[in-house]
Each structure stands twice: as structure tokens, then as C-alpha cells.
Amino acid sequence: MNREKKKKKKKKKKSILRSIMAAGKREEDYPEVFTTKRLTVYPTTSPPTCSRLIHLSSLDRKCPALMYLVFFYRSPPPPSLFSCLKRGLEDTISTWYPAAGRLCVTPPGNKLNLACTNAGALFLEAATRAKISDLGDDLSQHNDFYRRLVFRPPADAALADVPLVAAQVTRFACGGYAIGVGTNHALFDGSSNYSFLSAWAAKTAAATLAVGRRGEGSRVELFEPVHERGRLLLLGSEHVVVVQNPQVIARMSKSSTCAGRRQEGEGSGGDGMRTMRRFMALDHLHQLIKQVAELGSSSTSTGENDLVLRTFGVGRGAVSRLKSKAAASDAAACCSSFEVVAAHLWKARTRALNIPNERMVCLQFAVDARTRMHPPLPKSFTGNAYVLSSVACTAAELQQHSLAAVVDKIKEAKRAVTHDYVASYVAALDAAPPPQQVALPPLPELTMVSDWTKTPYHKIDFGAGEAACVTPLATPLPQVAYFMQSPREAGRVDVRIGLPQRSLQAFSHYFLSEL
């Protein structure tokens, strides 16, 4: 039995090594990817008013860039796959009609909005001499070659020329294929992006059945999408926000780390309008920026500008052990996988980056505001509805705290996201200058987490079964940790994070050895 375990362990190590070696290759080390077909996919029907404008909220405007996912399939595609995907996309963007529009800058204020122009989505077919096996055994490990599996617009492209949805089907020499999808973050947040792709998959699966192919499609609940941002546009006006340093809020907007919160000591003005003295996340970020300014270049010596993307698997058994540790506290006795893994990751990352004990460190994570508002936003709301909550302490305090104590703080920060919190958050963004006018300095003391475990992309079925792997490409903020469901094991959490090369080994030790 021990010999068998050793063999499995050795085989696993070799597999990981092959994946890391593949990830270490440069993009140019792989064969070219050739585009064989390029077309624009238009809706089958016109939107309610073809030329109408959707006014975006400040949450939508935080990161107006294409965000990418690559779906890998090891088996050959059905002969009709490309045409069925195209037909499914046509039907989907007829209902999700903003996806066929374009971003634009409109007066007054020259703000970013969305014109429903029916300009369509972009669809590419491509081929490569590379084999999927060339990419390593673990496709979840980031590889620069993946950038060739998606459409990337020119850096100087005008807004009117950049599609909000772009898809590319790439056939590999081994017979497998990949579907690379880019959707603009101004259009969707993570939850609505998952709903959009699920709707597209359902339409595509129906098309594959129509041509005699086997396919069941995604087994997810589909909703009639709600595209209007009106509730969020009015939300910020509920609070008058008094901010001493609007540039800090702008930096928060740029980094997707802005969050507002009413705190004790807040009062109401004589005119009945609420005022806010401080914001939880704003205060935390302002302290981090001030800390960097006071310490100078020494705070950036952790190599934040040289990040390596890695995926770490936290198995179901490891998650259970973390929950058992957290159960030492009554408040944390019933905690989620996200809460315990986030707490463990924050402690491990802070140790790995060797943050001095006296420095302030901060954990920020996204919370879906749909159910936090009164009345709630519909589940089918397609715009951005995530705000960030925040926990902060010194590095010494973080390491002294038990896992249970850190989980308690995370739960407390999640509970703080109320209707007033969301209104304050939106008001803070509304009051800030355009995010592109300011730059956020490197902040190794800031740990950011995004929970994707409720959006199991690998289960999306376009009619040919589940994907072998679905992985995100590098995002504008590569240091963010993404928690994803794993196709390998139910209950396993895959953590994709960007880390300085010099801290990679230390993080791997602290994060994995203590599970």
C-alpha cells in the first residue's frame, strides 16, 4: 500500500513539473495559431430601440476591458460545432442585446455608456499545429500561449471598433479544441457573465440536437435578463458623501477596491440627507497608500511588478480540515469554503511576502449586492453589482490571530454589506474623478480575492459535454486570487493567484503544507 502511495505521489509530482515547465515557455515557443474564418454575428431581432443608450453605473465603469476565459476540450469537436455556436450566439444576443452594442463616451460629463447599436459580436475560427498535451497535464496553470486562443483588439483601437463579446474556436493538431471567450467587464460582472455563457450554451446545444448531434446543454436555471441600470444609477444619490481626498477613491475605482460603509458617529444633516465621515475600505486603502509613501521604495521590494500566475488546488479533505480549525470559534462554527480558504490564503500570502510585523495588511473581497439591496435587484440583473468589503490589521496581528478569529472578521465584513453600504459605495465612485486619470502604487500589503465557486464554468455544456478545464487569462490586476470550482473533485477549490517569483516557493510552502 505504501509503495502504491509513493508511486501516485511521484506521478503527481511529475505531472505538476510538466505543467510548470509548459507554463514557463514563452508564447513564441509554440506553433502559430492561424485564423481561418472571421465573421460578425448579429442578433436575429432588433433591440427594443436599436439606437438607444444604456447609461452605465459607476460599478460598470470600473474596468471596461475584455475579460477572457478559455474552455479546453480534449475530444474532437462535432463537425457542426462552429455553425451551431454561431447560431446559438445569434439567438442569445437577440435577448442579451447590449452584448451586440458598443461602448461610447457621451455628454454631459464625457462618461462611458453603452450604445445598443446592433454592431454584433465577433466570431473567429482558428487552427494550430500545437497539441493540447504540449500545454502540460494541468491546463489550469497559466500559459502565455493561451493569449493566442482569444481575440485581442489592438491597443489603439477606438471604442466603436471593439466588440463587447468576442469568441474564438481553435482546433489543435491532436483533434482537441478550445473555445476562447472575451466579454467586456463594463457589460457583465461574474454572475451575469456566467448566466450569459450558460444561455449561449443552451442555445448552441439546442442547435446541435437539431442537426442530429448528441448534447444536453448546461443544466442551469436560465433567466430573462434585466439590462437596465436605473436602480444603481439612483442609488448613489441616497447618500451625500463627504470625502477629504477624492483622488484616493479614484485609485480605488481603478483597482476595483473601492467600498463605502456607514460607521458609528455618522449623523444626519438638517436637510435630512445622510453624511458619511469615513469609509471602511477607503480608510484601509488610504492607510496603505500613506504607508507606501512614508516607506518609499522599500515597500515595493517584494517584486510586485514581476508576478507569476499559478493555480493551487485545495482538495475537499483540506477544506474540511480548515473548517475544523475554524470551528474552534462559535461564530465560525458554520463557515463557508470561501471564508476559510480566504483566511488561510491571507495569512499564507502575508508570510510569503515577508511583510514586516508593524505594517498594516488588508484583505478585500467581492460581495454580490443583488440580495443586499432593498428591494433586492433581480437575480437576472446583467450589469455589475459587486462591491468590495474589507478587513485590516497589522501583519503581526494577522499571524497571531487564529484561523477562526480571521474567519470571524471576514464574516463580520460580509454582514456589513447592507443597502446603505452599497449606496455609499456607489456614491463614492460617483464622486471620484475618472479612474484612468490616477494610478495606484504597488501594494503588496493588499490581498484581493474573487469568489468564482458559485459560477462553475467547467459545467457549461455547449452540446459536446463538459470542458476538461476552464481557465481565466491574466486580468488587469493579476495579483487578485480567484477561487474556482475544480472539475477534478467535488468540493475542491482551485486558487489562481499572481505572486512575485521570489515569493512563489514560500507561498507554496505556507499555503499547502499547513492544509
Protein backbone atom coordinates (compact mmCIF):
# COMPACT_ATOMS: atom_id res chain seq x y z
CA MET A 1 0.00 0.00 0.00
CA ASN A 2 2.80 2.42 0.91
CA ARG A 3 4.58 1.59 -2.36
CA GLU A 4 1.39 2.37 -4.29
CA LYS A 5 1.01 5.71 -2.49
CA LYS A 6 4.62 6.59 -3.27
CA LYS A 7 4.05 5.80 -6.96
CA LYS A 8 0.97 8.02 -7.08
CA LYS A 9 2.81 10.81 -5.30
CA LYS A 10 5.76 10.54 -7.69
CA LYS A 11 3.44 10.53 -10.70
CA LYS A 12 1.63 13.61 -9.39
CA LYS A 13 4.94 15.45 -8.89
CA LYS A 14 5.99 14.65 -12.47
CA SER A 15 2.63 15.89 -13.76
CA ILE A 16 2.96 19.15 -11.84
CA LEU A 17 6.55 19.56 -13.08
CA ARG A 18 5.47 19.08 -16.71
CA SER A 19 2.72 21.67 -16.30
CA ILE A 20 5.08 24.19 -14.70
CA MET A 21 7.67 23.62 -17.44
CA ALA A 22 4.98 24.16 -20.09
CA ALA A 23 3.81 27.30 -18.30
CA GLY A 24 7.38 28.57 -18.25
CA LYS A 25 7.65 28.53 -22.03
CA ARG A 26 7.33 31.78 -23.90
CA GLU A 27 4.41 32.41 -26.21
CA GLU A 28 6.71 32.34 -29.25
CA ASP A 29 7.99 28.86 -28.30
CA TYR A 30 4.72 27.37 -29.54
CA PRO A 31 3.45 26.94 -33.12
CA GLU A 32 1.45 29.77 -34.62
CA VAL A 33 -2.33 29.98 -34.42
CA PHE A 34 -3.86 30.75 -37.81
CA THR A 35 -7.26 32.40 -38.20
CA THR A 36 -9.26 30.50 -40.82
CA LYS A 37 -12.57 32.32 -40.54
CA ARG A 38 -13.64 35.69 -39.14
CA LEU A 39 -17.18 36.98 -39.10
CA THR A 40 -19.52 39.28 -37.22
CA VAL A 41 -22.53 37.67 -35.57
CA TYR A 42 -25.66 39.82 -35.49
CA PRO A 43 -28.82 39.39 -33.41
CA THR A 44 -31.73 37.74 -35.19
CA THR A 45 -34.03 40.51 -33.93
CA SER A 46 -33.58 44.21 -33.22
CA PRO A 47 -33.44 45.51 -29.62
CA PRO A 48 -36.44 47.50 -28.34
CA THR A 49 -34.93 50.67 -29.76
CA CYS A 50 -31.91 49.99 -31.96
CA SER A 51 -30.10 53.26 -31.26
CA ARG A 52 -30.95 53.63 -27.60
CA LEU A 53 -28.38 54.23 -24.89
CA ILE A 54 -27.87 52.30 -21.67
CA HIS A 55 -26.41 54.59 -19.02
CA LEU A 56 -23.79 52.60 -17.14
CA SER A 57 -23.36 52.77 -13.39
CA SER A 58 -20.07 53.62 -11.71
CA LEU A 59 -19.71 49.91 -10.94
CA ASP A 60 -19.80 49.17 -14.69
CA ARG A 61 -17.19 51.81 -15.45
CA LYS A 62 -14.50 50.48 -13.10
CA CYS A 63 -12.86 48.11 -15.58
CA PRO A 64 -14.13 48.49 -19.19
CA ALA A 65 -11.90 45.78 -20.65
CA LEU A 66 -12.34 42.36 -22.22
CA MET A 67 -12.04 39.58 -19.62
CA TYR A 68 -11.13 36.18 -21.01
CA LEU A 69 -11.94 32.54 -20.35
CA VAL A 70 -10.59 29.56 -22.31
CA PHE A 71 -12.58 26.30 -22.42
CA PHE A 72 -10.46 23.22 -23.30
CA TYR A 73 -11.87 20.02 -24.84
CA ARG A 74 -9.63 17.01 -25.48
CA SER A 75 -12.06 15.20 -27.82
CA PRO A 76 -12.60 16.28 -31.45
CA PRO A 77 -15.42 18.79 -31.96
CA PRO A 78 -18.64 17.84 -33.76
CA PRO A 79 -18.43 18.76 -37.47
CA SER A 80 -21.22 21.27 -36.99
CA LEU A 81 -19.76 22.93 -33.88
CA PHE A 82 -18.78 26.24 -35.45
CA SER A 83 -22.13 26.78 -37.18
CA CYS A 84 -24.07 25.72 -34.06
CA LEU A 85 -22.06 28.07 -31.83
CA LYS A 86 -22.71 30.88 -34.31
CA ARG A 87 -26.44 30.15 -34.44
CA GLY A 88 -26.61 29.91 -30.66
CA LEU A 89 -24.79 33.23 -30.27
CA GLU A 90 -27.16 34.91 -32.74
CA ASP A 91 -30.15 33.81 -30.68
CA THR A 92 -28.52 34.71 -27.37
CA ILE A 93 -27.52 38.27 -28.25
CA SER A 94 -31.04 38.86 -29.52
CA THR A 95 -32.19 38.67 -25.90
CA TRP A 96 -28.93 39.90 -24.39
CA TYR A 97 -28.91 42.73 -26.92
CA PRO A 98 -26.43 45.05 -25.11
CA ALA A 99 -23.78 42.42 -25.97
CA ALA A 100 -24.18 43.42 -29.63
CA GLY A 101 -23.60 47.11 -28.84
CA ARG A 102 -20.51 49.24 -28.33
CA LEU A 103 -19.11 51.42 -25.57
CA CYS A 104 -19.14 55.16 -26.15
CA VAL A 105 -18.36 58.40 -24.32
CA THR A 106 -21.35 60.72 -24.05
CA PRO A 107 -22.10 64.18 -22.65
CA PRO A 108 -22.67 65.56 -20.12
CA GLY A 109 -19.50 64.72 -18.24
CA ASN A 110 -17.99 62.59 -21.02
CA LYS A 111 -18.92 59.42 -19.18
CA LEU A 112 -18.68 55.89 -20.51
CA ASN A 113 -22.02 54.42 -21.60
CA LEU A 114 -23.32 51.62 -23.80
CA ALA A 115 -24.94 52.23 -27.18
CA CYS A 116 -27.21 49.40 -28.38
CA THR A 117 -26.10 49.71 -31.99
CA ASN A 118 -26.61 46.09 -33.09
CA ALA A 119 -22.98 46.16 -34.31
CA GLY A 120 -22.70 42.48 -33.37
CA ALA A 121 -20.27 40.11 -31.68
CA LEU A 122 -17.03 38.86 -33.23
CA PHE A 123 -16.58 35.15 -34.01
CA LEU A 124 -13.34 33.53 -35.18
CA GLU A 125 -12.32 30.03 -36.24
CA ALA A 126 -8.62 29.15 -35.95
CA ALA A 127 -6.19 26.24 -36.10
CA THR A 128 -2.75 25.41 -34.71
CA ARG A 129 -0.16 22.66 -35.13
CA ALA A 130 0.25 22.56 -31.36
CA LYS A 131 -1.25 19.70 -29.37
CA ILE A 132 -3.11 20.13 -26.11
CA SER A 133 -0.57 17.79 -24.50
CA ASP A 134 2.12 20.38 -25.31
CA LEU A 135 0.47 22.64 -22.74
CA GLY A 136 1.14 20.26 -19.85
CA ASP A 137 -1.03 17.89 -17.85
CA ASP A 138 -2.62 20.63 -15.74
CA LEU A 139 -4.33 23.07 -18.10
CA SER A 140 -5.35 25.30 -15.18
CA GLN A 141 -1.73 26.50 -14.90
CA HIS A 142 -1.37 29.79 -16.74
CA ASN A 143 0.44 29.62 -20.06
CA ASP A 144 1.32 32.61 -22.24
CA PHE A 145 0.23 30.60 -25.28
CA TYR A 146 -3.38 30.90 -24.10
CA ARG A 147 -3.32 34.52 -25.27
CA ARG A 148 -3.37 33.20 -28.84
CA LEU A 149 -6.61 31.36 -28.18
CA VAL A 150 -8.65 34.56 -27.80
CA PHE A 151 -9.29 37.70 -29.80
CA ARG A 152 -7.26 40.66 -28.54
CA PRO A 153 -8.08 44.06 -30.03
CA PRO A 154 -5.25 46.44 -30.96
CA ALA A 155 -4.18 48.63 -28.06
CA ASP A 156 -5.06 51.77 -30.01
CA ALA A 157 -8.46 50.54 -31.21
CA ALA A 158 -11.34 53.01 -30.94
CA LEU A 159 -14.21 52.15 -28.61
CA ALA A 160 -16.62 51.93 -31.54
CA ASP A 161 -14.42 49.26 -33.16
CA VAL A 162 -14.08 46.91 -30.19
CA PRO A 163 -16.79 44.25 -29.78
CA LEU A 164 -18.16 43.66 -26.30
CA VAL A 165 -18.24 39.90 -26.92
CA ALA A 166 -15.60 38.02 -28.95
CA ALA A 167 -15.23 34.26 -29.31
CA GLN A 168 -12.60 32.08 -30.99
CA VAL A 169 -12.74 28.33 -31.66
CA THR A 170 -9.22 26.90 -32.09
CA ARG A 171 -8.60 23.36 -33.36
CA PHE A 172 -5.45 21.60 -32.13
CA ALA A 173 -3.38 19.10 -34.12
CA CYS A 174 -4.36 16.33 -31.68
CA GLY A 175 -8.04 16.72 -32.54
CA GLY A 176 -8.99 18.63 -29.40
CA TYR A 177 -10.13 22.22 -29.42
CA ALA A 178 -10.55 25.34 -27.30
CA ILE A 179 -13.25 27.99 -27.09
CA GLY A 180 -11.77 31.32 -26.03
CA VAL A 181 -14.36 33.90 -24.96
CA GLY A 182 -13.85 37.57 -24.15
CA THR A 183 -16.64 39.64 -22.58
CA ASN A 184 -16.30 43.28 -21.60
CA HIS A 185 -16.42 43.86 -17.84
CA ALA A 186 -18.48 47.01 -18.38
CA LEU A 187 -21.18 44.74 -19.77
CA PHE A 188 -21.24 41.92 -17.20
CA ASP A 189 -19.97 41.03 -13.76
CA GLY A 190 -19.00 37.46 -12.91
CA SER A 191 -22.52 36.31 -12.10
CA SER A 192 -24.14 37.76 -15.22
CA ASN A 193 -21.25 36.59 -17.40
CA TYR A 194 -21.92 33.04 -16.21
CA SER A 195 -25.63 33.46 -17.00
CA PHE A 196 -24.83 34.81 -20.47
CA LEU A 197 -22.48 31.94 -21.31
CA SER A 198 -24.99 29.42 -19.93
CA ALA A 199 -27.72 30.91 -22.13
CA TRP A 200 -25.41 30.73 -25.16
CA ALA A 201 -24.55 27.12 -24.33
CA ALA A 202 -28.23 26.18 -24.05
CA LYS A 203 -28.98 27.74 -27.47
CA THR A 204 -25.94 26.01 -29.00
CA ALA A 205 -26.88 22.64 -27.51
CA ALA A 206 -30.37 23.03 -28.96
CA ALA A 207 -28.81 23.71 -32.36
CA THR A 208 -26.59 20.61 -32.12
CA LEU A 209 -29.64 18.49 -31.33
CA ALA A 210 -31.41 19.98 -34.33
CA VAL A 211 -28.66 18.68 -36.63
CA GLY A 212 -28.67 15.23 -35.06
CA ARG A 213 -25.76 15.59 -32.64
CA ARG A 214 -25.88 14.36 -29.06
CA GLY A 215 -25.92 17.09 -26.48
CA GLU A 216 -27.79 18.11 -23.38
CA GLY A 217 -26.62 21.65 -22.78
CA SER A 218 -25.98 23.34 -19.45
CA ARG A 219 -28.16 22.14 -16.57
CA VAL A 220 -28.56 25.60 -15.05
CA GLU A 221 -31.57 27.79 -14.43
CA LEU A 222 -31.92 30.39 -17.17
CA PHE A 223 -33.48 33.80 -16.58
CA GLU A 224 -34.96 36.54 -18.70
CA PRO A 225 -32.15 39.13 -18.48
CA VAL A 226 -32.72 42.59 -16.96
CA HIS A 227 -30.34 45.10 -18.55
CA GLU A 228 -31.46 48.46 -17.10
CA ARG A 229 -29.07 50.06 -14.60
CA GLY A 230 -31.62 52.57 -13.27
CA ARG A 231 -31.68 51.35 -9.66
CA LEU A 232 -27.90 51.60 -9.35
CA LEU A 233 -27.81 54.99 -11.08
CA LEU A 234 -30.19 56.42 -8.48
CA LEU A 235 -28.62 54.58 -5.57
CA GLY A 236 -25.64 56.89 -5.16
CA SER A 237 -27.94 59.91 -4.70
CA GLU A 238 -29.33 58.38 -1.49
CA HIS A 239 -26.16 59.45 0.34
CA VAL A 240 -24.25 62.71 0.20
CA VAL A 241 -20.64 61.64 0.55
CA VAL A 242 -18.13 63.90 2.26
CA VAL A 243 -14.66 62.85 1.11
CA GLN A 244 -11.44 64.60 2.08
CA ASN A 245 -9.34 63.03 -0.67
CA PRO A 246 -11.28 62.14 -3.85
CA GLN A 247 -8.05 61.02 -5.57
CA VAL A 248 -7.93 58.06 -3.18
CA ILE A 249 -11.42 56.99 -4.27
CA ALA A 250 -10.30 57.29 -7.88
CA ARG A 251 -7.39 54.99 -7.16
CA MET A 252 -9.80 52.57 -5.54
CA SER A 253 -12.01 52.69 -8.61
CA LYS A 254 -9.02 51.93 -10.83
CA SER A 255 -8.08 48.94 -8.70
CA SER A 256 -11.64 47.72 -8.17
CA THR A 257 -11.06 48.10 -4.44
CA CYS A 258 -13.48 50.88 -3.52
CA ALA A 259 -16.02 50.20 -0.82
CA GLY A 260 -18.01 52.59 1.32
CA ARG A 261 -19.59 51.98 4.71
CA ARG A 262 -21.57 53.93 7.25
CA GLN A 263 -19.83 53.84 10.59
CA GLU A 264 -20.68 54.86 14.13
CA GLY A 265 -20.64 58.60 14.62
CA GLU A 266 -22.44 59.19 11.34
CA GLY A 267 -25.24 61.70 11.55
CA SER A 268 -28.00 63.32 9.54
CA GLY A 269 -27.84 66.87 8.33
CA GLY A 270 -30.60 69.37 8.93
CA ASP A 271 -31.92 68.78 5.43
CA GLY A 272 -32.43 65.08 6.18
CA MET A 273 -29.57 63.94 3.94
CA ARG A 274 -27.12 61.49 5.44
CA THR A 275 -23.43 62.31 5.55
CA MET A 276 -20.53 59.95 5.98
CA ARG A 277 -17.25 60.76 7.67
CA ARG A 278 -15.29 57.64 6.83
CA PHE A 279 -15.43 54.59 4.63
CA MET A 280 -14.14 51.23 5.78
CA ALA A 281 -12.36 50.17 2.57
CA LEU A 282 -11.42 53.74 1.64
CA ASP A 283 -9.86 54.23 5.05
CA HIS A 284 -7.94 50.95 4.71
CA LEU A 285 -6.66 51.75 1.24
CA HIS A 286 -5.78 55.33 2.19
CA GLN A 287 -3.67 53.98 5.06
CA LEU A 288 -1.91 51.54 2.71
CA ILE A 289 -1.09 54.29 0.21
CA LYS A 290 0.12 56.54 3.03
CA GLN A 291 2.25 53.65 4.31
CA VAL A 292 3.87 53.26 0.87
CA ALA A 293 4.55 57.00 0.65
CA GLU A 294 6.19 57.07 4.07
CA LEU A 295 8.34 53.99 3.47
CA GLY A 296 9.34 54.90 -0.08
CA SER A 297 10.72 52.22 -2.41
CA SER A 298 11.29 49.74 0.41
CA SER A 299 7.61 48.78 0.37
CA THR A 300 7.81 47.58 -3.24
CA SER A 301 10.87 45.38 -2.79
CA THR A 302 8.71 42.24 -2.78
CA GLY A 303 8.72 42.11 -6.58
CA GLU A 304 5.09 43.12 -7.13
CA ASN A 305 5.90 44.15 -10.70
CA ASP A 306 7.19 40.67 -11.63
CA LEU A 307 4.20 38.43 -10.98
CA VAL A 308 3.88 34.77 -11.91
CA LEU A 309 0.41 33.23 -12.26
CA ARG A 310 -0.05 29.88 -10.54
CA THR A 311 -3.02 27.66 -9.66
CA PHE A 312 -3.04 25.84 -6.32
CA GLY A 313 -5.55 23.09 -5.57
CA VAL A 314 -7.19 22.83 -2.15
CA GLY A 315 -8.80 19.38 -2.02
CA ARG A 316 -12.11 18.59 -0.36
CA GLY A 317 -10.31 16.95 2.57
CA ALA A 318 -8.10 20.01 3.06
CA VAL A 319 -11.14 22.31 3.00
CA SER A 320 -12.77 20.12 5.67
CA ARG A 321 -9.65 20.32 7.85
CA LEU A 322 -9.60 24.11 7.55
CA LYS A 323 -13.26 24.22 8.56
CA SER A 324 -12.48 22.05 11.58
CA LYS A 325 -9.78 24.52 12.64
CA ALA A 326 -12.18 27.42 12.21
CA ALA A 327 -14.84 25.62 14.27
CA ALA A 328 -12.84 26.49 17.38
CA SER A 329 -14.88 29.69 17.39
CA ASP A 330 -18.65 29.51 17.89
CA ALA A 331 -19.11 32.35 15.39
CA ALA A 332 -17.07 30.49 12.77
CA ALA A 333 -18.54 27.05 13.51
CA CYS A 334 -20.69 27.25 10.39
CA CYS A 335 -18.42 28.82 7.82
CA SER A 336 -18.15 28.56 4.06
CA SER A 337 -15.31 27.16 2.00
CA PHE A 338 -14.66 30.68 0.71
CA GLU A 339 -14.27 32.11 4.21
CA VAL A 340 -11.78 29.53 5.47
CA VAL A 341 -9.71 29.40 2.27
CA ALA A 342 -9.63 33.22 2.07
CA ALA A 343 -8.47 33.46 5.69
CA HIS A 344 -5.81 30.80 5.15
CA LEU A 345 -4.62 32.43 1.91
CA TRP A 346 -4.37 35.89 3.51
CA LYS A 347 -2.16 34.55 6.29
CA ALA A 348 -0.01 32.49 3.87
CA ARG A 349 0.47 35.32 1.35
CA THR A 350 1.41 37.82 4.06
CA ARG A 351 4.03 35.43 5.45
CA ALA A 352 5.37 34.55 1.99
CA LEU A 353 5.83 38.20 1.04
CA ASN A 354 7.62 38.74 4.36
CA ILE A 355 5.59 41.82 5.23
CA PRO A 356 7.14 43.46 8.34
CA ASN A 357 5.12 42.93 11.53
CA GLU A 358 4.35 46.59 12.12
CA ARG A 359 2.82 47.20 8.69
CA MET A 360 -0.87 47.25 8.05
CA VAL A 361 -2.20 44.48 5.79
CA CYS A 362 -5.62 44.30 4.22
CA LEU A 363 -7.92 41.66 2.71
CA GLN A 364 -10.59 42.81 0.27
CA PHE A 365 -13.15 40.58 -1.43
CA ALA A 366 -16.14 40.97 -3.72
CA VAL A 367 -19.72 40.65 -2.42
CA ASP A 368 -22.78 40.33 -4.67
CA ALA A 369 -25.02 43.30 -3.85
CA ARG A 370 -28.11 41.92 -5.62
CA THR A 371 -29.60 40.45 -2.46
CA ARG A 372 -28.19 43.14 -0.14
CA MET A 373 -30.32 45.94 -1.57
CA HIS A 374 -33.89 46.83 -0.57
CA PRO A 375 -35.76 45.81 -2.56
CA PRO A 376 -33.25 43.30 -3.98
CA LEU A 377 -32.03 43.55 -7.54
CA PRO A 378 -33.41 40.72 -9.67
CA LYS A 379 -31.15 37.69 -9.89
CA SER A 380 -31.22 38.18 -13.66
CA PHE A 381 -29.76 41.72 -13.47
CA THR A 382 -26.96 41.70 -16.06
CA GLY A 383 -24.87 44.70 -15.02
CA ASN A 384 -22.10 44.93 -12.44
CA ALA A 385 -23.50 44.54 -8.93
CA TYR A 386 -20.44 43.56 -6.89
CA VAL A 387 -18.93 45.75 -4.18
CA LEU A 388 -15.85 45.08 -2.08
CA SER A 389 -15.71 44.56 1.64
CA SER A 390 -12.53 44.89 3.67
CA VAL A 391 -10.66 43.59 6.72
CA ALA A 392 -7.42 45.12 8.01
CA CYS A 393 -4.89 44.70 10.83
CA THR A 394 -1.12 44.66 11.25
CA ALA A 395 0.91 41.77 9.85
CA ALA A 396 1.81 40.74 13.40
CA GLU A 397 -1.83 40.68 14.48
CA LEU A 398 -2.78 38.61 11.42
CA GLN A 399 -0.21 35.93 12.25
CA GLN A 400 -1.14 35.95 15.95
CA HIS A 401 -4.84 35.54 15.20
CA SER A 402 -6.14 32.01 14.92
CA LEU A 403 -7.77 30.90 11.68
CA ALA A 404 -11.11 31.01 13.49
CA ALA A 405 -10.57 34.65 14.51
CA VAL A 406 -9.73 35.69 10.94
CA VAL A 407 -12.81 33.86 9.64
CA ASP A 408 -14.91 35.76 12.20
CA LYS A 409 -13.59 39.07 10.83
CA ILE A 410 -14.38 38.03 7.25
CA LYS A 411 -17.93 37.05 8.23
CA GLU A 412 -18.35 40.38 10.02
CA ALA A 413 -17.17 42.27 6.93
CA LYS A 414 -19.63 40.32 4.75
CA ARG A 415 -22.50 41.17 7.11
CA ALA A 416 -21.56 44.85 6.85
CA VAL A 417 -22.57 44.90 3.17
CA THR A 418 -26.08 46.32 3.57
CA HIS A 419 -28.23 48.52 1.37
CA ASP A 420 -26.63 51.61 2.97
CA TYR A 421 -23.16 50.18 2.36
CA VAL A 422 -23.91 49.65 -1.34
CA ALA A 423 -25.42 53.13 -1.66
CA SER A 424 -22.33 54.66 -0.04
CA TYR A 425 -20.03 52.61 -2.27
CA VAL A 426 -21.78 53.80 -5.44
CA ALA A 427 -21.84 57.40 -4.17
CA ALA A 428 -18.09 57.24 -3.52
CA LEU A 429 -17.44 56.06 -7.07
CA ASP A 430 -19.78 58.70 -8.48
CA ALA A 431 -17.82 61.40 -6.63
CA ALA A 432 -14.42 60.25 -7.89
CA PRO A 433 -12.50 61.53 -10.93
CA PRO A 434 -12.26 59.14 -13.90
CA PRO A 435 -10.11 56.15 -12.80
CA GLN A 436 -7.82 56.39 -15.83
CA GLN A 437 -6.55 59.75 -14.54
CA VAL A 438 -4.84 58.25 -11.50
CA ALA A 439 -2.52 55.32 -10.85
CA LEU A 440 -2.43 53.01 -7.86
CA PRO A 441 1.06 52.28 -6.50
CA PRO A 442 2.11 48.64 -5.95
CA LEU A 443 0.54 47.45 -2.69
CA PRO A 444 1.95 44.07 -1.61
CA GLU A 445 0.14 44.54 1.71
CA LEU A 446 -3.22 44.32 -0.09
CA THR A 447 -4.65 40.83 -0.71
CA MET A 448 -7.65 40.70 -3.07
CA VAL A 449 -9.94 37.70 -3.56
CA SER A 450 -12.72 36.99 -6.05
CA ASP A 451 -15.04 34.02 -5.42
CA TRP A 452 -15.97 32.10 -8.59
CA THR A 453 -17.05 28.92 -6.81
CA LYS A 454 -20.71 29.75 -7.46
CA THR A 455 -20.05 30.01 -11.20
CA PRO A 456 -18.79 26.55 -12.25
CA TYR A 457 -17.74 27.41 -15.79
CA HIS A 458 -16.47 23.89 -16.49
CA LYS A 459 -20.05 22.62 -16.19
CA ILE A 460 -21.26 24.83 -19.03
CA ASP A 461 -22.12 22.41 -21.82
CA PHE A 462 -22.19 23.71 -25.39
CA GLY A 463 -23.58 20.38 -26.55
CA ALA A 464 -20.40 18.29 -26.55
CA GLY A 465 -20.10 17.67 -22.80
CA GLU A 466 -18.29 19.47 -20.00
CA ALA A 467 -14.92 21.10 -20.64
CA ALA A 468 -11.77 19.35 -19.44
CA CYS A 469 -10.68 22.68 -17.99
CA VAL A 470 -11.77 26.32 -18.00
CA THR A 471 -9.16 28.89 -17.08
CA PRO A 472 -9.07 32.70 -16.99
CA LEU A 473 -6.33 34.63 -18.74
CA ALA A 474 -4.30 37.27 -16.96
CA THR A 475 -6.53 40.12 -15.78
CA PRO A 476 -5.72 43.84 -15.39
CA LEU A 477 -4.97 43.03 -11.74
CA PRO A 478 -3.06 39.71 -11.89
CA GLN A 479 -2.39 39.69 -8.14
CA VAL A 480 -6.09 39.01 -7.44
CA ALA A 481 -6.76 35.47 -6.18
CA TYR A 482 -9.62 33.68 -7.95
CA PHE A 483 -11.37 30.80 -6.18
CA MET A 484 -12.86 28.34 -8.68
CA GLN A 485 -14.65 25.00 -8.59
CA SER A 486 -12.43 22.20 -9.81
CA PRO A 487 -13.51 19.69 -12.47
CA ARG A 488 -11.25 17.12 -10.79
CA GLU A 489 -13.06 16.71 -7.47
CA ALA A 490 -16.34 17.87 -5.94
CA GLY A 491 -15.65 20.27 -3.08
CA ARG A 492 -12.12 21.09 -4.25
CA VAL A 493 -11.21 24.77 -4.62
CA ASP A 494 -8.68 25.83 -7.26
CA VAL A 495 -6.93 29.09 -6.35
CA ARG A 496 -5.40 31.10 -9.21
CA ILE A 497 -3.17 33.93 -7.99
CA GLY A 498 -0.36 36.16 -9.21
CA LEU A 499 2.72 36.11 -6.97
CA PRO A 500 6.22 37.59 -7.14
CA GLN A 501 8.65 34.97 -8.49
CA ARG A 502 10.84 35.28 -5.42
CA SER A 503 7.88 34.54 -3.10
CA LEU A 504 6.40 31.63 -5.05
CA GLN A 505 8.18 28.83 -3.18
CA ALA A 506 7.47 30.37 0.22
CA PHE A 507 3.79 30.82 -0.59
CA SER A 508 3.51 27.25 -1.83
CA HIS A 509 5.01 26.07 1.47
CA TYR A 510 2.83 28.17 3.77
CA PHE A 511 -0.34 27.67 1.75
CA LEU A 512 -0.11 23.94 1.02
CA SER A 513 1.93 22.45 3.87
CA GLU A 514 -0.43 23.71 6.56
CA LEU A 515 -3.62 22.38 4.97
